[in-house]
C-alpha atoms as a PDB file:
ATOM      1  CA  UNK A   1      20.148 126.910 286.141  1.00  0.00           C
ATOM      2  CA  UNK A   2      22.273 126.222 289.166  1.00  0.00           C
ATOM      3  CA  UNK A   3      24.256 129.099 290.843  1.00  0.00           C
ATOM      4  CA  UNK A   4      28.009 128.671 290.505  1.00  0.00           C
ATOM      5  CA  UNK A   5      28.245 127.973 294.200  1.00  0.00           C
ATOM      6  CA  UNK A   6      25.965 125.068 293.752  1.00  0.00           C
ATOM      7  CA  UNK A   7      27.800 123.357 290.898  1.00  0.00           C
ATOM      8  CA  UNK A   8      29.401 120.014 291.961  1.00  0.00           C
ATOM      9  CA  UNK A   9      33.165 119.980 291.335  1.00  0.00           C
ATOM     10  CA  UNK A  10      34.848 117.012 292.916  1.00  0.00           C
ATOM     11  CA  UNK A  11      38.258 118.053 294.265  1.00  0.00           C
ATOM     12  CA  UNK A  12      40.038 114.904 292.870  1.00  0.00           C
ATOM     13  CA  UNK A  13      39.277 115.835 289.245  1.00  0.00           C
ATOM     14  CA  UNK A  14      41.114 118.239 286.870  1.00  0.00           C
ATOM     15  CA  UNK A  15      39.089 120.676 284.622  1.00  0.00           C
ATOM     16  CA  UNK A  16      39.550 122.363 281.262  1.00  0.00           C
ATOM     17  CA  UNK A  17      38.370 125.949 280.275  1.00  0.00           C
ATOM     18  CA  UNK A  18      35.997 124.176 277.917  1.00  0.00           C
ATOM     19  CA  UNK A  19      34.121 122.484 280.736  1.00  0.00           C
ATOM     20  CA  UNK A  20      35.441 118.970 280.548  1.00  0.00           C
ATOM     21  CA  UNK A  21      36.982 116.987 283.444  1.00  0.00           C
ATOM     22  CA  UNK A  22      39.601 114.363 283.621  1.00  0.00           C
ATOM     23  CA  UNK A  23      40.264 111.662 286.338  1.00  0.00           C
ATOM     24  CA  UNK A  24      43.401 109.511 286.105  1.00  0.00           C
ATOM     25  CA  UNK A  25      42.893 105.785 286.764  1.00  0.00           C
ATOM     26  CA  UNK A  26      45.913 103.497 286.431  1.00  0.00           C
ATOM     27  CA  UNK A  27      47.512 105.513 283.611  1.00  0.00           C
ATOM     28  CA  UNK A  28      44.167 105.959 281.796  1.00  0.00           C
ATOM     29  CA  UNK A  29      42.211 109.341 281.970  1.00  0.00           C
ATOM     30  CA  UNK A  30      38.339 109.130 282.249  1.00  0.00           C
ATOM     31  CA  UNK A  31      36.850 112.219 280.593  1.00  0.00           C
ATOM     32  CA  UNK A  32      33.433 113.849 280.650  1.00  0.00           C
ATOM     33  CA  UNK A  33      31.406 117.040 280.829  1.00  0.00           C
ATOM     34  CA  UNK A  34      31.303 119.109 284.006  1.00  0.00           C
ATOM     35  CA  UNK A  35      28.170 119.506 286.165  1.00  0.00           C
ATOM     36  CA  UNK A  36      28.289 123.201 285.010  1.00  0.00           C
ATOM     37  CA  UNK A  37      28.264 122.170 281.245  1.00  0.00           C
ATOM     38  CA  UNK A  38      25.467 119.579 281.588  1.00  0.00           C
ATOM     39  CA  UNK A  39      23.402 122.202 283.512  1.00  0.00           C
ATOM     40  CA  UNK A  40      23.968 124.967 280.911  1.00  0.00           C
ATOM     41  CA  UNK A  41      22.954 122.469 278.083  1.00  0.00           C
ATOM     42  CA  UNK A  42      19.768 121.342 279.633  1.00  0.00           C
ATOM     43  CA  UNK A  43      18.166 117.926 278.904  1.00  0.00           C
ATOM     44  CA  UNK A  44      20.709 115.960 276.760  1.00  0.00           C
ATOM     45  CA  UNK A  45      18.942 114.004 273.993  1.00  0.00           C
ATOM     46  CA  UNK A  46      21.785 112.708 271.880  1.00  0.00           C
ATOM     47  CA  UNK A  47      25.584 112.111 272.299  1.00  0.00           C
ATOM     48  CA  UNK A  48      27.982 111.251 269.488  1.00  0.00           C
ATOM     49  CA  UNK A  49      31.463 109.796 270.700  1.00  0.00           C
ATOM     50  CA  UNK A  50      34.510 109.062 268.782  1.00  0.00           C
ATOM     51  CA  UNK A  51      35.665 105.517 267.637  1.00  0.00           C
ATOM     52  CA  UNK A  52      37.897 103.513 270.024  1.00  0.00           C
ATOM     53  CA  UNK A  53      41.386 103.593 268.733  1.00  0.00           C
ATOM     54  CA  UNK A  54      41.136 107.170 267.421  1.00  0.00           C
ATOM     55  CA  UNK A  55      44.214 109.382 268.182  1.00  0.00           C
ATOM     56  CA  UNK A  56      43.249 112.863 269.009  1.00  0.00           C
ATOM     57  CA  UNK A  57      45.179 116.053 269.820  1.00  0.00           C
ATOM     58  CA  UNK A  58      44.502 118.245 272.961  1.00  0.00           C
ATOM     59  CA  UNK A  59      41.631 120.596 272.022  1.00  0.00           C
ATOM     60  CA  UNK A  60      40.386 118.418 269.269  1.00  0.00           C
ATOM     61  CA  UNK A  61      36.520 117.754 269.054  1.00  0.00           C
ATOM     62  CA  UNK A  62      35.946 114.292 270.583  1.00  0.00           C
ATOM     63  CA  UNK A  63      32.177 114.426 271.028  1.00  0.00           C
ATOM     64  CA  UNK A  64      28.954 116.235 269.936  1.00  0.00           C
ATOM     65  CA  UNK A  65      26.204 116.504 272.513  1.00  0.00           C
ATOM     66  CA  UNK A  66      22.677 117.662 271.480  1.00  0.00           C
ATOM     67  CA  UNK A  67      20.206 119.054 274.038  1.00  0.00           C
ATOM     68  CA  UNK A  68      16.807 120.470 273.781  1.00  0.00           C
ATOM     69  CA  UNK A  69      18.534 123.838 273.623  1.00  0.00           C
ATOM     70  CA  UNK A  70      21.485 123.396 271.423  1.00  0.00           C
ATOM     71  CA  UNK A  71      24.183 121.229 269.809  1.00  0.00           C
ATOM     72  CA  UNK A  72      27.658 121.630 271.421  1.00  0.00           C
ATOM     73  CA  UNK A  73      31.078 120.255 270.632  1.00  0.00           C
ATOM     74  CA  UNK A  74      33.266 118.736 273.372  1.00  0.00           C
ATOM     75  CA  UNK A  75      36.974 119.305 273.271  1.00  0.00           C
ATOM     76  CA  UNK A  76      39.550 116.826 274.593  1.00  0.00           C
ATOM     77  CA  UNK A  77      41.416 118.288 277.483  1.00  0.00           C
ATOM     78  CA  UNK A  78      44.503 116.096 276.827  1.00  0.00           C
ATOM     79  CA  UNK A  79      46.000 114.383 273.727  1.00  0.00           C
ATOM     80  CA  UNK A  80      45.982 110.625 273.254  1.00  0.00           C
ATOM     81  CA  UNK A  81      44.259 107.467 272.163  1.00  0.00           C
ATOM     82  CA  UNK A  82      40.661 106.685 272.872  1.00  0.00           C
ATOM     83  CA  UNK A  83      40.662 103.305 274.552  1.00  0.00           C
ATOM     84  CA  UNK A  84      37.014 103.159 275.588  1.00  0.00           C
ATOM     85  CA  UNK A  85      33.774 104.892 275.062  1.00  0.00           C
ATOM     86  CA  UNK A  86      30.731 105.021 277.362  1.00  0.00           C
ATOM     87  CA  UNK A  87      28.384 103.087 275.080  1.00  0.00           C
ATOM     88  CA  UNK A  88      25.315 103.278 277.282  1.00  0.00           C
ATOM     89  CA  UNK A  89      25.100 107.087 276.534  1.00  0.00           C
ATOM     90  CA  UNK A  90      23.862 106.116 272.954  1.00  0.00           C
ATOM     91  CA  UNK A  91      20.768 104.590 274.434  1.00  0.00           C
ATOM     92  CA  UNK A  92      20.298 106.967 277.347  1.00  0.00           C
ATOM     93  CA  UNK A  93      22.152 110.239 276.830  1.00  0.00           C
ATOM     94  CA  UNK A  94      20.258 111.669 279.840  1.00  0.00           C
ATOM     95  CA  UNK A  95      22.841 109.899 281.997  1.00  0.00           C
ATOM     96  CA  UNK A  96      25.119 112.865 281.248  1.00  0.00           C
ATOM     97  CA  UNK A  97      22.568 115.025 283.199  1.00  0.00           C
ATOM     98  CA  UNK A  98      21.881 112.618 285.974  1.00  0.00           C
ATOM     99  CA  UNK A  99      25.515 111.579 286.687  1.00  0.00           C
ATOM    100  CA  UNK A 100      28.196 113.761 284.947  1.00  0.00           C
ATOM    101  CA  UNK A 101      31.034 112.591 287.157  1.00  0.00           C
ATOM    102  CA  UNK A 102      29.936 108.992 287.527  1.00  0.00           C
ATOM    103  CA  UNK A 103      27.904 106.904 284.950  1.00  0.00           C
ATOM    104  CA  UNK A 104      27.851 109.894 282.655  1.00  0.00           C
ATOM    105  CA  UNK A 105      31.512 109.772 281.739  1.00  0.00           C
ATOM    106  CA  UNK A 106      32.075 109.971 278.027  1.00  0.00           C
ATOM    107  CA  UNK A 107      35.574 108.367 277.014  1.00  0.00           C
ATOM    108  CA  UNK A 108      38.596 106.875 278.480  1.00  0.00           C
ATOM    109  CA  UNK A 109      41.878 107.951 276.828  1.00  0.00           C
ATOM    110  CA  UNK A 110      45.590 106.761 277.076  1.00  0.00           C
ATOM    111  CA  UNK A 111      47.331 110.196 277.534  1.00  0.00           C
ATOM    112  CA  UNK A 112      50.231 111.023 275.216  1.00  0.00           C
ATOM    113  CA  UNK A 113      51.694 113.108 278.101  1.00  0.00           C
ATOM    114  CA  UNK A 114      50.737 112.714 281.783  1.00  0.00           C
ATOM    115  CA  UNK A 115      51.811 116.220 282.360  1.00  0.00           C
ATOM    116  CA  UNK A 116      48.861 117.500 280.334  1.00  0.00           C
ATOM    117  CA  UNK A 117      46.503 116.149 282.933  1.00  0.00           C
ATOM    118  CA  UNK A 118      48.387 117.770 285.785  1.00  0.00           C
ATOM    119  CA  UNK A 119      48.365 121.197 283.845  1.00  0.00           C
ATOM    120  CA  UNK A 120      44.565 121.254 284.032  1.00  0.00           C
ATOM    121  CA  UNK A 121      42.744 123.293 286.511  1.00  0.00           C
ATOM    122  CA  UNK A 122      41.913 122.229 289.907  1.00  0.00           C
ATOM    123  CA  UNK A 123      38.227 122.412 291.183  1.00  0.00           C
ATOM    124  CA  UNK A 124      39.138 125.637 292.964  1.00  0.00           C
ATOM    125  CA  UNK A 125      40.637 127.261 289.872  1.00  0.00           C
ATOM    126  CA  UNK A 126      37.726 126.121 287.606  1.00  0.00           C
ATOM    127  CA  UNK A 127      35.189 127.524 289.997  1.00  0.00           C
ATOM    128  CA  UNK A 128      37.138 130.844 289.986  1.00  0.00           C
ATOM    129  CA  UNK A 129      36.977 130.724 286.124  1.00  0.00           C
ATOM    130  CA  UNK A 130      33.247 130.112 286.146  1.00  0.00           C
ATOM    131  CA  UNK A 131      32.665 133.035 288.559  1.00  0.00           C
ATOM    132  CA  UNK A 132      34.702 135.282 286.185  1.00  0.00           C
ATOM    133  CA  UNK A 133      32.620 134.277 283.175  1.00  0.00           C
END
């Protein structure tokens, strides 16, 4: 496993305490698992994503990720409607390990409240949380 100092945390993203990230793109939030989360999980072998059109509350389970170590639930960092899922993850879930902030994104969501995105942690705040864990 990586040292906290070696975990990649792009400054332009926002982070949740549950180890998800969000990036705003033209009013839509792209959401995925952090580098820290994928590292802790180990080799991802299966990803279950929600249906497009699903409306979910902040903190709701939006995905299940199975690794060689465990099965983990992913919690939505903001409320809104799922407008797209990353379908390639079904055929190659290891993309989550290889590119958590790029090709390994999980869902795109239309936020109910843009302020929820701004209330998420900065990279610096998230790293501080990891160091305290």
